[in-house]
Amino acid sequence: MYKLLVLYPEPADRAGFIQYYESTHLPLARKLPGLRSWRYTTEVAPQADGSAAPYFALFEAEFDDVDAFRAAMSSPEGRAVGADVPNYATGGAVVLDYSASEGEVS
C-alpha cells in the first residue's frame, strides 16, 4: 500500500476552507486514477497539553503502490488537484507520500 498524506495548517478563513474543500477540491481528488480509498478531517484534536494542533485539517489517500501514486499525480486529474491547492489552502500544505506497512496489535 502506498499513501499520500496532506496536512493543512490553520487557514485564514476556516469556513471558507471547508466550503471550498468539500464542494470543489474533494470532487477533483476523487477522480485521481488508481485511488483505492481516501479520508479527511477538519476536526484535528488539540494536543495532549490542550494547546492547538499544528494542523487544522488532513487528507489521506491510498494507492496500490508508488507507481500507481506517481501515475495518478502526473495525470491530468492529478495536475488539476495540485493546481487547485492555492485556491483554498491559505496556510499552505505539507504533502507527504510513503510506503505503508501493516502491523498487528498483540
Protein backbone atom coordinates (compact mmCIF):
# COMPACT_ATOMS: atom_id res chain seq x y z
CA MET A 1 0.00 0.00 0.00
CA TYR A 2 1.24 3.50 -0.83
CA LYS A 3 -0.16 6.55 0.93
CA LEU A 4 -0.48 10.27 0.41
CA LEU A 5 -0.90 12.46 3.48
CA VAL A 6 -1.65 16.18 3.21
CA LEU A 7 -1.52 18.31 6.38
CA TYR A 8 -3.11 21.76 6.35
CA PRO A 9 -2.07 24.48 8.81
CA GLU A 10 -4.72 26.90 10.06
CA PRO A 11 -6.24 28.80 7.11
CA ALA A 12 -7.16 32.49 7.08
CA ASP A 13 -10.85 31.51 6.88
CA ARG A 14 -11.92 28.13 8.31
CA ALA A 15 -15.46 28.24 6.95
CA GLY A 16 -14.23 29.28 3.51
CA PHE A 17 -11.64 26.48 3.51
CA ILE A 18 -14.20 23.84 4.44
CA GLN A 19 -16.79 25.05 1.92
CA TYR A 20 -14.32 25.14 -0.98
CA TYR A 21 -12.53 21.95 0.05
CA GLU A 22 -15.71 19.89 0.28
CA SER A 23 -17.51 21.33 -2.74
CA THR A 24 -14.61 21.78 -5.17
CA HIS A 25 -11.31 20.18 -4.12
CA LEU A 26 -12.50 16.79 -2.87
CA PRO A 27 -14.54 16.12 -6.04
CA LEU A 28 -11.32 16.72 -8.01
CA ALA A 29 -9.34 14.39 -5.74
CA ARG A 30 -11.95 11.63 -6.06
CA LYS A 31 -11.14 11.48 -9.79
CA LEU A 32 -7.49 10.51 -9.28
CA PRO A 33 -6.84 7.38 -11.33
CA GLY A 34 -5.82 4.39 -9.22
CA LEU A 35 -7.17 5.89 -5.99
CA ARG A 36 -8.10 2.98 -3.69
CA SER A 37 -9.52 4.89 -0.74
CA TRP A 38 -9.41 8.30 0.89
CA ARG A 39 -10.42 10.08 4.07
CA TYR A 40 -10.16 13.57 5.51
CA THR A 41 -10.99 15.61 8.57
CA THR A 42 -11.22 19.26 9.50
CA GLU A 43 -11.53 18.35 13.17
CA VAL A 44 -7.97 17.67 14.31
CA ALA A 45 -7.93 17.30 18.10
CA PRO A 46 -5.86 19.60 20.33
CA GLN A 47 -2.54 18.30 21.59
CA ALA A 48 -2.39 16.35 24.87
CA ASP A 49 -1.48 19.51 26.80
CA GLY A 50 -4.57 21.31 25.43
CA SER A 51 -2.71 23.55 23.02
CA ALA A 52 -3.89 23.85 19.43
CA ALA A 53 -2.81 21.17 17.00
CA PRO A 54 -0.23 22.31 14.45
CA TYR A 55 -2.64 21.33 11.67
CA PHE A 56 -6.27 22.26 11.07
CA ALA A 57 -7.13 19.52 8.56
CA LEU A 58 -5.68 16.44 6.92
CA PHE A 59 -6.29 14.27 3.88
CA GLU A 60 -5.10 10.70 3.42
CA ALA A 61 -5.30 8.67 0.20
CA GLU A 62 -4.22 5.12 -0.62
CA PHE A 63 -2.85 3.68 -3.85
CA ASP A 64 -1.66 0.16 -4.71
CA ASP A 65 1.99 1.16 -4.97
CA VAL A 66 4.35 4.04 -5.69
CA ASP A 67 3.93 3.61 -9.45
CA ALA A 68 0.14 3.98 -9.17
CA PHE A 69 0.61 7.07 -6.98
CA ARG A 70 3.07 8.68 -9.40
CA ALA A 71 0.83 7.90 -12.36
CA ALA A 72 -2.14 9.46 -10.55
CA MET A 73 -0.28 12.63 -9.63
CA SER A 74 1.16 13.10 -13.12
CA SER A 75 -2.22 12.55 -14.80
CA PRO A 76 -4.39 15.50 -15.90
CA GLU A 77 -6.55 14.87 -12.82
CA GLY A 78 -3.50 14.88 -10.54
CA ARG A 79 -2.21 18.10 -12.05
CA ALA A 80 -5.65 19.67 -11.56
CA VAL A 81 -5.66 18.63 -7.88
CA GLY A 82 -2.20 20.12 -7.31
CA ALA A 83 -3.04 23.34 -9.13
CA ASP A 84 -6.20 23.79 -7.03
CA VAL A 85 -4.47 23.82 -3.62
CA PRO A 86 -3.61 27.56 -3.61
CA ASN A 87 -7.31 28.33 -4.18
CA TYR A 88 -8.24 27.33 -0.62
CA ALA A 89 -5.13 26.50 1.46
CA THR A 90 -4.12 29.99 2.57
CA GLY A 91 -1.92 28.44 5.28
CA GLY A 92 -0.17 26.22 2.74
CA ALA A 93 0.00 22.44 2.82
CA VAL A 94 2.53 19.82 3.88
CA VAL A 95 2.48 16.88 1.46
CA LEU A 96 3.98 13.51 2.37
CA ASP A 97 3.89 10.26 0.46
CA TYR A 98 5.18 6.94 1.71
CA SER A 99 5.02 3.17 1.57
CA ALA A 100 2.90 1.86 4.43
CA SER A 101 3.38 -1.45 6.19
CA GLU A 102 0.63 -3.24 8.05
CA GLY A 103 1.15 -4.36 11.62
CA GLU A 104 -0.77 -6.29 14.23
CA VAL A 105 -1.57 -5.37 17.79
CA SER A 106 -0.75 -8.15 20.20
